[in-house]
Amino acid sequence: MYEIFEQLLQKNGVTAYKVAKEAGVTQTALSNWKSGKSTPTTKTLQRIADYFGVTIDYLMTGKKSEDSPGYYLNDDAREYAQFLFENPEYKVLFDASRKVKKEDIQFVKEMIDRVRGGDAYE
């Protein structure tokens, strides 16, 4: 189970510390999980899964459920959601939901760009 977490860290180029900080998970919880001393609570697993945009099932098994369409129901939104993930300063005005549309993310991004006087996504 922890191996999947390590793979997600590498794939996304982030540290466990950053995930813990941004997902609101304690370093102790991650350390105990890594050492096999404990298994994270469902709430902790959900926060980690949400951070990476995967399901708890994927986090636990590494297998994507055929029934699960992924975090974003709208495939077009994935590109902009990845941008928001990689640029946390853009997350401040946008609370994503599973039903978000590409246009919604793009609108918020453009609004931030106008306020900041530039376009970081090209």
PDB file of N, CA and C in Angstrom:
ATOM      1  N   MET A   1       0.828  -1.190   0.000  1.00  0.00           N
ATOM      2  CA  MET A   1       0.000   0.000   0.000  1.00  0.00           C
ATOM      3  C   MET A   1       0.873   1.255   0.000  1.00  0.00           C
ATOM      4  N   TYR A   2       1.878   1.302   0.835  1.00  0.00           N
ATOM      5  CA  TYR A   2       2.749   2.474   0.872  1.00  0.00           C
ATOM      6  C   TYR A   2       3.533   2.617  -0.430  1.00  0.00           C
ATOM      7  N   GLU A   3       3.761   1.510  -1.113  1.00  0.00           N
ATOM      8  CA  GLU A   3       4.496   1.560  -2.374  1.00  0.00           C
ATOM      9  C   GLU A   3       3.774   2.422  -3.409  1.00  0.00           C
ATOM     10  N   ILE A   4       2.456   2.346  -3.423  1.00  0.00           N
ATOM     11  CA  ILE A   4       1.655   3.158  -4.352  1.00  0.00           C
ATOM     12  C   ILE A   4       1.861   4.636  -4.026  1.00  0.00           C
ATOM     13  N   PHE A   5       1.874   4.948  -2.747  1.00  0.00           N
ATOM     14  CA  PHE A   5       2.108   6.326  -2.308  1.00  0.00           C
ATOM     15  C   PHE A   5       3.474   6.810  -2.806  1.00  0.00           C
ATOM     16  N   GLU A   6       4.492   5.985  -2.654  1.00  0.00           N
ATOM     17  CA  GLU A   6       5.838   6.337  -3.126  1.00  0.00           C
ATOM     18  C   GLU A   6       5.844   6.567  -4.639  1.00  0.00           C
ATOM     19  N   GLN A   7       5.131   5.728  -5.369  1.00  0.00           N
ATOM     20  CA  GLN A   7       5.052   5.893  -6.825  1.00  0.00           C
ATOM     21  C   GLN A   7       4.377   7.213  -7.185  1.00  0.00           C
ATOM     22  N   LEU A   8       3.309   7.554  -6.462  1.00  0.00           N
ATOM     23  CA  LEU A   8       2.615   8.809  -6.719  1.00  0.00           C
ATOM     24  C   LEU A   8       3.508  10.004  -6.406  1.00  0.00           C
ATOM     25  N   LEU A   9       4.307   9.894  -5.341  1.00  0.00           N
ATOM     26  CA  LEU A   9       5.248  10.961  -5.008  1.00  0.00           C
ATOM     27  C   LEU A   9       6.221  11.183  -6.163  1.00  0.00           C
ATOM     28  N   GLN A  10       6.800  10.089  -6.642  1.00  0.00           N
ATOM     29  CA  GLN A  10       7.771  10.188  -7.731  1.00  0.00           C
ATOM     30  C   GLN A  10       7.126  10.709  -9.014  1.00  0.00           C
ATOM     31  N   LYS A  11       5.971  10.160  -9.350  1.00  0.00           N
ATOM     32  CA  LYS A  11       5.277  10.556 -10.582  1.00  0.00           C
ATOM     33  C   LYS A  11       4.941  12.046 -10.584  1.00  0.00           C
ATOM     34  N   ASN A  12       4.566  12.562  -9.416  1.00  0.00           N
ATOM     35  CA  ASN A  12       4.156  13.961  -9.314  1.00  0.00           C
ATOM     36  C   ASN A  12       5.281  14.893  -8.887  1.00  0.00           C
ATOM     37  N   GLY A  13       6.452  14.331  -8.609  1.00  0.00           N
ATOM     38  CA  GLY A  13       7.606  15.147  -8.248  1.00  0.00           C
ATOM     39  C   GLY A  13       7.431  15.937  -6.966  1.00  0.00           C
ATOM     40  N   VAL A  14       6.793  15.322  -5.967  1.00  0.00           N
ATOM     41  CA  VAL A  14       6.582  15.987  -4.684  1.00  0.00           C
ATOM     42  C   VAL A  14       7.158  15.135  -3.556  1.00  0.00           C
ATOM     43  N   THR A  15       7.342  15.751  -2.418  1.00  0.00           N
ATOM     44  CA  THR A  15       7.842  15.037  -1.251  1.00  0.00           C
ATOM     45  C   THR A  15       6.681  14.669  -0.337  1.00  0.00           C
ATOM     46  N   ALA A  16       6.920  13.696   0.523  1.00  0.00           N
ATOM     47  CA  ALA A  16       5.909  13.311   1.508  1.00  0.00           C
ATOM     48  C   ALA A  16       5.594  14.497   2.418  1.00  0.00           C
ATOM     49  N   TYR A  17       6.611  15.275   2.720  1.00  0.00           N
ATOM     50  CA  TYR A  17       6.408  16.464   3.554  1.00  0.00           C
ATOM     51  C   TYR A  17       5.408  17.420   2.905  1.00  0.00           C
ATOM     52  N   LYS A  18       5.581  17.675   1.608  1.00  0.00           N
ATOM     53  CA  LYS A  18       4.678  18.588   0.903  1.00  0.00           C
ATOM     54  C   LYS A  18       3.252  18.037   0.881  1.00  0.00           C
ATOM     55  N   VAL A  19       3.115  16.737   0.617  1.00  0.00           N
ATOM     56  CA  VAL A  19       1.780  16.131   0.605  1.00  0.00           C
ATOM     57  C   VAL A  19       1.144  16.263   1.983  1.00  0.00           C
ATOM     58  N   ALA A  20       1.912  15.937   3.023  1.00  0.00           N
ATOM     59  CA  ALA A  20       1.390  16.033   4.385  1.00  0.00           C
ATOM     60  C   ALA A  20       0.920  17.448   4.688  1.00  0.00           C
ATOM     61  N   LYS A  21       1.753  18.412   4.343  1.00  0.00           N
ATOM     62  CA  LYS A  21       1.430  19.819   4.619  1.00  0.00           C
ATOM     63  C   LYS A  21       0.190  20.274   3.862  1.00  0.00           C
ATOM     64  N   GLU A  22       0.151  20.013   2.553  1.00  0.00           N
ATOM     65  CA  GLU A  22      -0.958  20.497   1.725  1.00  0.00           C
ATOM     66  C   GLU A  22      -2.241  19.698   1.910  1.00  0.00           C
ATOM     67  N   ALA A  23      -2.120  18.422   2.285  1.00  0.00           N
ATOM     68  CA  ALA A  23      -3.308  17.587   2.462  1.00  0.00           C
ATOM     69  C   ALA A  23      -3.806  17.609   3.912  1.00  0.00           C
ATOM     70  N   GLY A  24      -3.068  18.284   4.786  1.00  0.00           N
ATOM     71  CA  GLY A  24      -3.486  18.356   6.183  1.00  0.00           C
ATOM     72  C   GLY A  24      -3.312  17.041   6.921  1.00  0.00           C
ATOM     73  N   VAL A  25      -2.261  16.306   6.561  1.00  0.00           N
ATOM     74  CA  VAL A  25      -1.954  15.019   7.180  1.00  0.00           C
ATOM     75  C   VAL A  25      -0.683  15.197   7.994  1.00  0.00           C
ATOM     76  N   THR A  26      -0.603  14.556   9.142  1.00  0.00           N
ATOM     77  CA  THR A  26       0.590  14.710   9.962  1.00  0.00           C
ATOM     78  C   THR A  26       1.758  13.900   9.415  1.00  0.00           C
ATOM     79  N   GLN A  27       2.938  14.411   9.641  1.00  0.00           N
ATOM     80  CA  GLN A  27       4.149  13.685   9.256  1.00  0.00           C
ATOM     81  C   GLN A  27       4.212  12.352  10.004  1.00  0.00           C
ATOM     82  N   THR A  28       3.750  12.352  11.239  1.00  0.00           N
ATOM     83  CA  THR A  28       3.754  11.128  12.039  1.00  0.00           C
ATOM     84  C   THR A  28       2.898  10.051  11.391  1.00  0.00           C
ATOM     85  N   ALA A  29       1.740  10.439  10.890  1.00  0.00           N
ATOM     86  CA  ALA A  29       0.852   9.472  10.234  1.00  0.00           C
ATOM     87  C   ALA A  29       1.547   8.846   9.028  1.00  0.00           C
ATOM     88  N   LEU A  30       2.216   9.683   8.223  1.00  0.00           N
ATOM     89  CA  LEU A  30       2.922   9.153   7.055  1.00  0.00           C
ATOM     90  C   LEU A  30       4.111   8.290   7.466  1.00  0.00           C
ATOM     91  N   SER A  31       4.832   8.719   8.488  1.00  0.00           N
ATOM     92  CA  SER A  31       5.991   7.962   8.962  1.00  0.00           C
ATOM     93  C   SER A  31       5.573   6.598   9.507  1.00  0.00           C
ATOM     94  N   ASN A  32       4.503   6.576  10.289  1.00  0.00           N
ATOM     95  CA  ASN A  32       4.005   5.306  10.839  1.00  0.00           C
ATOM     96  C   ASN A  32       3.499   4.390   9.738  1.00  0.00           C
ATOM     97  N   TRP A  33       2.900   4.974   8.716  1.00  0.00           N
ATOM     98  CA  TRP A  33       2.421   4.199   7.578  1.00  0.00           C
ATOM     99  C   TRP A  33       3.609   3.585   6.850  1.00  0.00           C
ATOM    100  N   LYS A  34       4.622   4.403   6.606  1.00  0.00           N
ATOM    101  CA  LYS A  34       5.805   3.939   5.888  1.00  0.00           C
ATOM    102  C   LYS A  34       6.513   2.805   6.625  1.00  0.00           C
ATOM    103  N   SER A  35       6.595   2.914   7.943  1.00  0.00           N
ATOM    104  CA  SER A  35       7.294   1.900   8.740  1.00  0.00           C
ATOM    105  C   SER A  35       6.420   0.683   9.038  1.00  0.00           C
ATOM    106  N   GLY A  36       5.156   0.751   8.693  1.00  0.00           N
ATOM    107  CA  GLY A  36       4.260  -0.371   8.944  1.00  0.00           C
ATOM    108  C   GLY A  36       3.709  -0.409  10.363  1.00  0.00           C
ATOM    109  N   LYS A  37       3.936   0.648  11.122  1.00  0.00           N
ATOM    110  CA  LYS A  37       3.453   0.701  12.509  1.00  0.00           C
ATOM    111  C   LYS A  37       1.941   0.864  12.575  1.00  0.00           C
ATOM    112  N   SER A  38       1.379   1.491  11.565  1.00  0.00           N
ATOM    113  CA  SER A  38      -0.065   1.705  11.556  1.00  0.00           C
ATOM    114  C   SER A  38      -0.554   1.909  10.132  1.00  0.00           C
ATOM    115  N   THR A  39      -1.856   1.855  10.001  1.00  0.00           N
ATOM    116  CA  THR A  39      -2.509   2.149   8.732  1.00  0.00           C
ATOM    117  C   THR A  39      -3.251   3.460   8.925  1.00  0.00           C
ATOM    118  N   PRO A  40      -3.163   4.362   7.963  1.00  0.00           N
ATOM    119  CA  PRO A  40      -3.864   5.647   8.105  1.00  0.00           C
ATOM    120  C   PRO A  40      -5.378   5.450   8.247  1.00  0.00           C
ATOM    121  N   THR A  41      -6.001   6.392   8.897  1.00  0.00           N
ATOM    122  CA  THR A  41      -7.457   6.372   9.010  1.00  0.00           C
ATOM    123  C   THR A  41      -8.054   6.599   7.624  1.00  0.00           C
ATOM    124  N   THR A  42      -9.319   6.299   7.495  1.00  0.00           N
ATOM    125  CA  THR A  42     -10.007   6.525   6.219  1.00  0.00           C
ATOM    126  C   THR A  42      -9.959   8.007   5.860  1.00  0.00           C
ATOM    127  N   LYS A  43     -10.109   8.863   6.850  1.00  0.00           N
ATOM    128  CA  LYS A  43     -10.067  10.303   6.606  1.00  0.00           C
ATOM    129  C   LYS A  43      -8.695  10.720   6.054  1.00  0.00           C
ATOM    130  N   THR A  44      -7.626  10.172   6.636  1.00  0.00           N
ATOM    131  CA  THR A  44      -6.276  10.475   6.166  1.00  0.00           C
ATOM    132  C   THR A  44      -6.059   9.942   4.758  1.00  0.00           C
ATOM    133  N   LEU A  45      -6.502   8.706   4.524  1.00  0.00           N
ATOM    134  CA  LEU A  45      -6.377   8.129   3.182  1.00  0.00           C
ATOM    135  C   LEU A  45      -7.121   8.969   2.155  1.00  0.00           C
ATOM    136  N   GLN A  46      -8.302   9.465   2.521  1.00  0.00           N
ATOM    137  CA  GLN A  46      -9.090  10.282   1.590  1.00  0.00           C
ATOM    138  C   GLN A  46      -8.369  11.577   1.277  1.00  0.00           C
ATOM    139  N   ARG A  47      -7.756  12.198   2.279  1.00  0.00           N
ATOM    140  CA  ARG A  47      -7.019  13.447   2.040  1.00  0.00           C
ATOM    141  C   ARG A  47      -5.843  13.216   1.090  1.00  0.00           C
ATOM    142  N   ILE A  48      -5.124  12.108   1.298  1.00  0.00           N
ATOM    143  CA  ILE A  48      -3.990  11.790   0.428  1.00  0.00           C
ATOM    144  C   ILE A  48      -4.482  11.490  -0.981  1.00  0.00           C
ATOM    145  N   ALA A  49      -5.549  10.701  -1.080  1.00  0.00           N
ATOM    146  CA  ALA A  49      -6.111  10.363  -2.390  1.00  0.00           C
ATOM    147  C   ALA A  49      -6.591  11.627  -3.106  1.00  0.00           C
ATOM    148  N   ASP A  50      -7.264  12.512  -2.388  1.00  0.00           N
ATOM    149  CA  ASP A  50      -7.732  13.766  -2.982  1.00  0.00           C
ATOM    150  C   ASP A  50      -6.568  14.612  -3.477  1.00  0.00           C
ATOM    151  N   TYR A  51      -5.501  14.647  -2.708  1.00  0.00           N
ATOM    152  CA  TYR A  51      -4.329  15.426  -3.101  1.00  0.00           C
ATOM    153  C   TYR A  51      -3.812  14.970  -4.463  1.00  0.00           C
ATOM    154  N   PHE A  52      -3.753  13.655  -4.664  1.00  0.00           N
ATOM    155  CA  PHE A  52      -3.239  13.111  -5.913  1.00  0.00           C
ATOM    156  C   PHE A  52      -4.306  12.960  -6.987  1.00  0.00           C
ATOM    157  N   GLY A  53      -5.570  13.186  -6.631  1.00  0.00           N
ATOM    158  CA  GLY A  53      -6.651  13.043  -7.608  1.00  0.00           C
ATOM    159  C   GLY A  53      -6.925  11.593  -7.961  1.00  0.00           C
ATOM    160  N   VAL A  54      -6.777  10.700  -6.977  1.00  0.00           N
ATOM    161  CA  VAL A  54      -7.048   9.282  -7.174  1.00  0.00           C
ATOM    162  C   VAL A  54      -8.066   8.834  -6.140  1.00  0.00           C
ATOM    163  N   THR A  55      -8.536   7.612  -6.277  1.00  0.00           N
ATOM    164  CA  THR A  55      -9.461   7.060  -5.294  1.00  0.00           C
ATOM    165  C   THR A  55      -8.676   6.383  -4.168  1.00  0.00           C
ATOM    166  N   ILE A  56      -9.337   6.160  -3.052  1.00  0.00           N
ATOM    167  CA  ILE A  56      -8.709   5.407  -1.959  1.00  0.00           C
ATOM    168  C   ILE A  56      -8.369   4.010  -2.455  1.00  0.00           C
ATOM    169  N   ASP A  57      -9.247   3.430  -3.255  1.00  0.00           N
ATOM    170  CA  ASP A  57      -8.995   2.095  -3.800  1.00  0.00           C
ATOM    171  C   ASP A  57      -7.682   2.073  -4.582  1.00  0.00           C
ATOM    172  N   TYR A  58      -7.468   3.087  -5.403  1.00  0.00           N
ATOM    173  CA  TYR A  58      -6.218   3.154  -6.161  1.00  0.00           C
ATOM    174  C   TYR A  58      -5.027   3.309  -5.215  1.00  0.00           C
ATOM    175  N   LEU A  59      -5.174   4.162  -4.223  1.00  0.00           N
ATOM    176  CA  LEU A  59      -4.099   4.384  -3.256  1.00  0.00           C
ATOM    177  C   LEU A  59      -3.741   3.100  -2.518  1.00  0.00           C
ATOM    178  N   MET A  60      -4.741   2.269  -2.253  1.00  0.00           N
ATOM    179  CA  MET A  60      -4.513   1.027  -1.512  1.00  0.00           C
ATOM    180  C   MET A  60      -4.007  -0.109  -2.401  1.00  0.00           C
ATOM    181  N   THR A  61      -4.477  -0.161  -3.646  1.00  0.00           N
ATOM    182  CA  THR A  61      -4.184  -1.325  -4.492  1.00  0.00           C
ATOM    183  C   THR A  61      -3.375  -1.007  -5.747  1.00  0.00           C
ATOM    184  N   GLY A  62      -3.413   0.240  -6.158  1.00  0.00           N
ATOM    185  CA  GLY A  62      -2.745   0.612  -7.400  1.00  0.00           C
ATOM    186  C   GLY A  62      -3.568   0.291  -8.634  1.00  0.00           C
ATOM    187  N   LYS A  63      -4.775  -0.198  -8.427  1.00  0.00           N
ATOM    188  CA  LYS A  63      -5.647  -0.553  -9.545  1.00  0.00           C
ATOM    189  C   LYS A  63      -6.750   0.471  -9.674  1.00  0.00           C
ATOM    190  N   LYS A  64      -6.962   0.916 -10.900  1.00  0.00           N
ATOM    191  CA  LYS A  64      -8.039   1.852 -11.166  1.00  0.00           C
ATOM    192  C   LYS A  64      -9.317   1.069 -11.407  1.00  0.00           C
ATOM    193  N   SER A  65     -10.337   1.412 -10.691  1.00  0.00           N
ATOM    194  CA  SER A  65     -11.620   0.737 -10.816  1.00  0.00           C
ATOM    195  C   SER A  65     -12.262   1.066 -12.155  1.00  0.00           C
ATOM    196  N   GLU A  66     -12.788   0.060 -12.808  1.00  0.00           N
ATOM    197  CA  GLU A  66     -13.486   0.274 -14.079  1.00  0.00           C
ATOM    198  C   GLU A  66     -14.734   1.129 -13.882  1.00  0.00           C
ATOM    199  N   ASP A  67     -15.297   1.049 -12.679  1.00  0.00           N
ATOM    200  CA  ASP A  67     -16.508   1.796 -12.392  1.00  0.00           C
ATOM    201  C   ASP A  67     -16.228   3.247 -12.034  1.00  0.00           C
ATOM    202  N   SER A  68     -14.988   3.555 -11.694  1.00  0.00           N
ATOM    203  CA  SER A  68     -14.640   4.897 -11.258  1.00  0.00           C
ATOM    204  C   SER A  68     -14.107   5.705 -12.433  1.00  0.00           C
ATOM    205  N   PRO A  69     -14.736   6.816 -12.752  1.00  0.00           N
ATOM    206  CA  PRO A  69     -14.280   7.619 -13.869  1.00  0.00           C
ATOM    207  C   PRO A  69     -13.081   8.491 -13.521  1.00  0.00           C
ATOM    208  N   GLY A  70     -12.580   8.416 -12.302  1.00  0.00           N
ATOM    209  CA  GLY A  70     -11.505   9.294 -11.876  1.00  0.00           C
ATOM    210  C   GLY A  70     -12.083  10.447 -11.095  1.00  0.00           C
ATOM    211  N   TYR A  71     -11.226  11.308 -10.610  1.00  0.00           N
ATOM    212  CA  TYR A  71     -11.682  12.411  -9.766  1.00  0.00           C
ATOM    213  C   TYR A  71     -12.573  13.372 -10.538  1.00  0.00           C
ATOM    214  N   TYR A  72     -12.162  13.755 -11.730  1.00  0.00           N
ATOM    215  CA  TYR A  72     -12.951  14.695 -12.524  1.00  0.00           C
ATOM    216  C   TYR A  72     -13.846  13.941 -13.497  1.00  0.00           C
ATOM    217  N   LEU A  73     -15.130  14.207 -13.424  1.00  0.00           N
ATOM    218  CA  LEU A  73     -16.068  13.559 -14.317  1.00  0.00           C
ATOM    219  C   LEU A  73     -15.918  14.088 -15.736  1.00  0.00           C
ATOM    220  N   ASN A  74     -15.487  15.318 -15.871  1.00  0.00           N
ATOM    221  CA  ASN A  74     -15.298  15.939 -17.167  1.00  0.00           C
ATOM    222  C   ASN A  74     -13.825  15.811 -17.554  1.00  0.00           C
ATOM    223  N   ASP A  75     -13.531  14.990 -18.565  1.00  0.00           N
ATOM    224  CA  ASP A  75     -12.148  14.750 -18.975  1.00  0.00           C
ATOM    225  C   ASP A  75     -11.439  16.022 -19.413  1.00  0.00           C
ATOM    226  N   ASP A  76     -12.179  16.965 -19.999  1.00  0.00           N
ATOM    227  CA  ASP A  76     -11.563  18.208 -20.459  1.00  0.00           C
ATOM    228  C   ASP A  76     -11.004  19.035 -19.300  1.00  0.00           C
ATOM    229  N   ALA A  77     -11.551  18.843 -18.114  1.00  0.00           N
ATOM    230  CA  ALA A  77     -11.108  19.628 -16.957  1.00  0.00           C
ATOM    231  C   ALA A  77      -9.759  19.171 -16.435  1.00  0.00           C
ATOM    232  N   ARG A  78      -9.356  17.954 -16.760  1.00  0.00           N
ATOM    233  CA  ARG A  78      -8.123  17.384 -16.210  1.00  0.00           C
ATOM    234  C   ARG A  78      -6.895  18.248 -16.494  1.00  0.00           C
ATOM    235  N   GLU A  79      -6.774  18.785 -17.705  1.00  0.00           N
ATOM    236  CA  GLU A  79      -5.616  19.611 -18.075  1.00  0.00           C
ATOM    237  C   GLU A  79      -5.508  20.846 -17.183  1.00  0.00           C
ATOM    238  N   TYR A  80      -6.610  21.536 -16.999  1.00  0.00           N
ATOM    239  CA  TYR A  80      -6.583  22.728 -16.165  1.00  0.00           C
ATOM    240  C   TYR A  80      -6.438  22.373 -14.683  1.00  0.00           C
ATOM    241  N   ALA A  81      -7.006  21.257 -14.281  1.00  0.00           N
ATOM    242  CA  ALA A  81      -6.842  20.817 -12.891  1.00  0.00           C
ATOM    243  C   ALA A  81      -5.378  20.521 -12.602  1.00  0.00           C
ATOM    244  N   GLN A  82      -4.678  19.925 -13.568  1.00  0.00           N
ATOM    245  CA  GLN A  82      -3.245  19.659 -13.396  1.00  0.00           C
ATOM    246  C   GLN A  82      -2.488  20.981 -13.276  1.00  0.00           C
ATOM    247  N   PHE A  83      -2.881  21.963 -14.064  1.00  0.00           N
ATOM    248  CA  PHE A  83      -2.262  23.289 -13.956  1.00  0.00           C
ATOM    249  C   PHE A  83      -2.454  23.846 -12.554  1.00  0.00           C
ATOM    250  N   LEU A  84      -3.674  23.749 -12.023  1.00  0.00           N
ATOM    251  CA  LEU A  84      -3.944  24.242 -10.675  1.00  0.00           C
ATOM    252  C   LEU A  84      -3.113  23.490  -9.640  1.00  0.00           C
ATOM    253  N   PHE A  85      -2.958  22.185  -9.828  1.00  0.00           N
ATOM    254  CA  PHE A  85      -2.156  21.375  -8.924  1.00  0.00           C
ATOM    255  C   PHE A  85      -0.701  21.839  -8.926  1.00  0.00           C
ATOM    256  N   GLU A  86      -0.180  22.137 -10.094  1.00  0.00           N
ATOM    257  CA  GLU A  86       1.222  22.529 -10.224  1.00  0.00           C
ATOM    258  C   GLU A  86       1.460  23.991  -9.868  1.00  0.00           C
ATOM    259  N   ASN A  87       0.410  24.787  -9.804  1.00  0.00           N
ATOM    260  CA  ASN A  87       0.520  26.215  -9.497  1.00  0.00           C
ATOM    261  C   ASN A  87      -0.433  26.562  -8.359  1.00  0.00           C
ATOM    262  N   PRO A  88      -0.040  26.258  -7.129  1.00  0.00           N
ATOM    263  CA  PRO A  88      -0.962  26.412  -5.999  1.00  0.00           C
ATOM    264  C   PRO A  88      -1.479  27.826  -5.789  1.00  0.00           C
ATOM    265  N   GLU A  89      -0.775  28.835  -6.290  1.00  0.00           N
ATOM    266  CA  GLU A  89      -1.271  30.194  -6.121  1.00  0.00           C
ATOM    267  C   GLU A  89      -2.603  30.406  -6.839  1.00  0.00           C
ATOM    268  N   TYR A  90      -2.928  29.554  -7.802  1.00  0.00           N
ATOM    269  CA  TYR A  90      -4.197  29.648  -8.516  1.00  0.00           C
ATOM    270  C   TYR A  90      -5.330  28.919  -7.795  1.00  0.00           C
ATOM    271  N   LYS A  91      -5.004  28.090  -6.833  1.00  0.00           N
ATOM    272  CA  LYS A  91      -6.029  27.325  -6.120  1.00  0.00           C
ATOM    273  C   LYS A  91      -6.843  28.187  -5.170  1.00  0.00           C
ATOM    274  N   VAL A  92      -6.292  29.299  -4.765  1.00  0.00           N
ATOM    275  CA  VAL A  92      -6.897  30.104  -3.714  1.00  0.00           C
ATOM    276  C   VAL A  92      -8.330  30.541  -4.046  1.00  0.00           C
ATOM    277  N   LEU A  93      -8.642  30.787  -5.298  1.00  0.00           N
ATOM    278  CA  LEU A  93      -9.976  31.250  -5.670  1.00  0.00           C
ATOM    279  C   LEU A  93     -10.868  30.167  -6.251  1.00  0.00           C
ATOM    280  N   PHE A  94     -10.379  28.925  -6.227  1.00  0.00           N
ATOM    281  CA  PHE A  94     -11.149  27.891  -6.892  1.00  0.00           C
ATOM    282  C   PHE A  94     -11.287  26.652  -6.029  1.00  0.00           C
ATOM    283  N   ASP A  95     -12.490  26.305  -5.660  1.00  0.00           N
ATOM    284  CA  ASP A  95     -12.761  25.112  -4.875  1.00  0.00           C
ATOM    285  C   ASP A  95     -13.369  24.094  -5.836  1.00  0.00           C
ATOM    286  N   ALA A  96     -12.530  23.179  -6.339  1.00  0.00           N
ATOM    287  CA  ALA A  96     -12.962  22.228  -7.369  1.00  0.00           C
ATOM    288  C   ALA A  96     -13.943  21.210  -6.813  1.00  0.00           C
ATOM    289  N   SER A  97     -14.864  20.828  -7.648  1.00  0.00           N
ATOM    290  CA  SER A  97     -15.781  19.751  -7.319  1.00  0.00           C
ATOM    291  C   SER A  97     -15.684  18.711  -8.426  1.00  0.00           C
ATOM    292  N   ARG A  98     -16.240  17.547  -8.194  1.00  0.00           N
ATOM    293  CA  ARG A  98     -16.167  16.471  -9.185  1.00  0.00           C
ATOM    294  C   ARG A  98     -16.906  16.834 -10.472  1.00  0.00           C
ATOM    295  N   LYS A  99     -17.818  17.796 -10.423  1.00  0.00           N
ATOM    296  CA  LYS A  99     -18.597  18.134 -11.605  1.00  0.00           C
ATOM    297  C   LYS A  99     -18.050  19.357 -12.333  1.00  0.00           C
ATOM    298  N   VAL A 100     -16.863  19.796 -11.978  1.00  0.00           N
ATOM    299  CA  VAL A 100     -16.296  20.996 -12.576  1.00  0.00           C
ATOM    300  C   VAL A 100     -16.090  20.806 -14.085  1.00  0.00           C
ATOM    301  N   LYS A 101     -16.260  21.886 -14.805  1.00  0.00           N
ATOM    302  CA  LYS A 101     -16.059  21.868 -16.251  1.00  0.00           C
ATOM    303  C   LYS A 101     -14.777  22.613 -16.581  1.00  0.00           C
ATOM    304  N   LYS A 102     -14.202  22.271 -17.698  1.00  0.00           N
ATOM    305  CA  LYS A 102     -12.975  22.912 -18.165  1.00  0.00           C
ATOM    306  C   LYS A 102     -13.157  24.426 -18.204  1.00  0.00           C
ATOM    307  N   GLU A 103     -14.305  24.861 -18.680  1.00  0.00           N
ATOM    308  CA  GLU A 103     -14.572  26.287 -18.815  1.00  0.00           C
ATOM    309  C   GLU A 103     -14.563  26.994 -17.461  1.00  0.00           C
ATOM    310  N   ASP A 104     -15.032  26.316 -16.405  1.00  0.00           N
ATOM    311  CA  ASP A 104     -15.043  26.908 -15.070  1.00  0.00           C
ATOM    312  C   ASP A 104     -13.621  27.148 -14.573  1.00  0.00           C
ATOM    313  N   ILE A 105     -12.775  26.137 -14.747  1.00  0.00           N
ATOM    314  CA  ILE A 105     -11.383  26.260 -14.314  1.00  0.00           C
ATOM    315  C   ILE A 105     -10.693  27.344 -15.140  1.00  0.00           C
ATOM    316  N   GLN A 106     -10.929  27.342 -16.442  1.00  0.00           N
ATOM    317  CA  GLN A 106     -10.314  28.326 -17.319  1.00  0.00           C
ATOM    318  C   GLN A 106     -10.758  29.746 -16.947  1.00  0.00           C
ATOM    319  N   PHE A 107     -12.037  29.921 -16.609  1.00  0.00           N
ATOM    320  CA  PHE A 107     -12.553  31.231 -16.224  1.00  0.00           C
ATOM    321  C   PHE A 107     -11.832  31.754 -14.981  1.00  0.00           C
ATOM    322  N   VAL A 108     -11.694  30.910 -13.957  1.00  0.00           N
ATOM    323  CA  VAL A 108     -11.028  31.330 -12.725  1.00  0.00           C
ATOM    324  C   VAL A 108      -9.562  31.656 -12.992  1.00  0.00           C
ATOM    325  N   LYS A 109      -8.918  30.833 -13.788  1.00  0.00           N
ATOM    326  CA  LYS A 109      -7.515  31.062 -14.145  1.00  0.00           C
ATOM    327  C   LYS A 109      -7.354  32.398 -14.866  1.00  0.00           C
ATOM    328  N   GLU A 110      -8.234  32.682 -15.820  1.00  0.00           N
ATOM    329  CA  GLU A 110      -8.161  33.940 -16.561  1.00  0.00           C
ATOM    330  C   GLU A 110      -8.425  35.136 -15.649  1.00  0.00           C
ATOM    331  N   MET A 111      -9.332  34.981 -14.708  1.00  0.00           N
ATOM    332  CA  MET A 111      -9.623  36.056 -13.759  1.00  0.00           C
ATOM    333  C   MET A 111      -8.378  36.357 -12.917  1.00  0.00           C
ATOM    334  N   ILE A 112      -7.705  35.330 -12.444  1.00  0.00           N
ATOM    335  CA  ILE A 112      -6.478  35.535 -11.663  1.00  0.00           C
ATOM    336  C   ILE A 112      -5.409  36.182 -12.528  1.00  0.00           C
ATOM    337  N   ASP A 113      -5.279  35.715 -13.774  1.00  0.00           N
ATOM    338  CA  ASP A 113      -4.291  36.297 -14.681  1.00  0.00           C
ATOM    339  C   ASP A 113      -4.548  37.791 -14.896  1.00  0.00           C
ATOM    340  N   ARG A 114      -5.803  38.168 -15.044  1.00  0.00           N
ATOM    341  CA  ARG A 114      -6.127  39.589 -15.267  1.00  0.00           C
ATOM    342  C   ARG A 114      -5.733  40.431 -14.063  1.00  0.00           C
ATOM    343  N   VAL A 115      -6.016  39.897 -12.867  1.00  0.00           N
ATOM    344  CA  VAL A 115      -5.675  40.616 -11.645  1.00  0.00           C
ATOM    345  C   VAL A 115      -4.152  40.723 -11.499  1.00  0.00           C
ATOM    346  N   ARG A 116      -3.441  39.677 -11.863  1.00  0.00           N
ATOM    347  CA  ARG A 116      -1.986  39.656 -11.727  1.00  0.00           C
ATOM    348  C   ARG A 116      -1.297  40.344 -12.902  1.00  0.00           C
ATOM    349  N   GLY A 117      -2.020  40.562 -14.003  1.00  0.00           N
ATOM    350  CA  GLY A 117      -1.441  41.241 -15.154  1.00  0.00           C
ATOM    351  C   GLY A 117      -0.596  40.361 -16.047  1.00  0.00           C
ATOM    352  N   GLY A 118      -0.916  39.077 -16.128  1.00  0.00           N
ATOM    353  CA  GLY A 118      -0.137  38.191 -16.981  1.00  0.00           C
ATOM    354  C   GLY A 118      -0.863  36.914 -17.278  1.00  0.00           C
ATOM    355  N   ASP A 119      -0.206  36.047 -18.019  1.00  0.00           N
ATOM    356  CA  ASP A 119      -0.776  34.739 -18.365  1.00  0.00           C
ATOM    357  C   ASP A 119       0.295  33.685 -18.158  1.00  0.00           C
ATOM    358  N   ALA A 120       0.179  32.910 -17.087  1.00  0.00           N
ATOM    359  CA  ALA A 120       1.189  31.906 -16.753  1.00  0.00           C
ATOM    360  C   ALA A 120       0.966  30.595 -17.472  1.00  0.00           C
ATOM    361  N   TYR A 121      -0.186  30.391 -18.088  1.00  0.00           N
ATOM    362  CA  TYR A 121      -0.511  29.115 -18.713  1.00  0.00           C
ATOM    363  C   TYR A 121      -0.557  29.283 -20.218  1.00  0.00           C
ATOM    364  N   GLU A 122       0.471  28.833 -20.879  1.00  0.00           N
ATOM    365  CA  GLU A 122       0.496  28.961 -22.335  1.00  0.00           C
ATOM    366  C   GLU A 122       0.884  27.659 -22.956  1.00  0.00           C
TER     367      GLU A 122
END
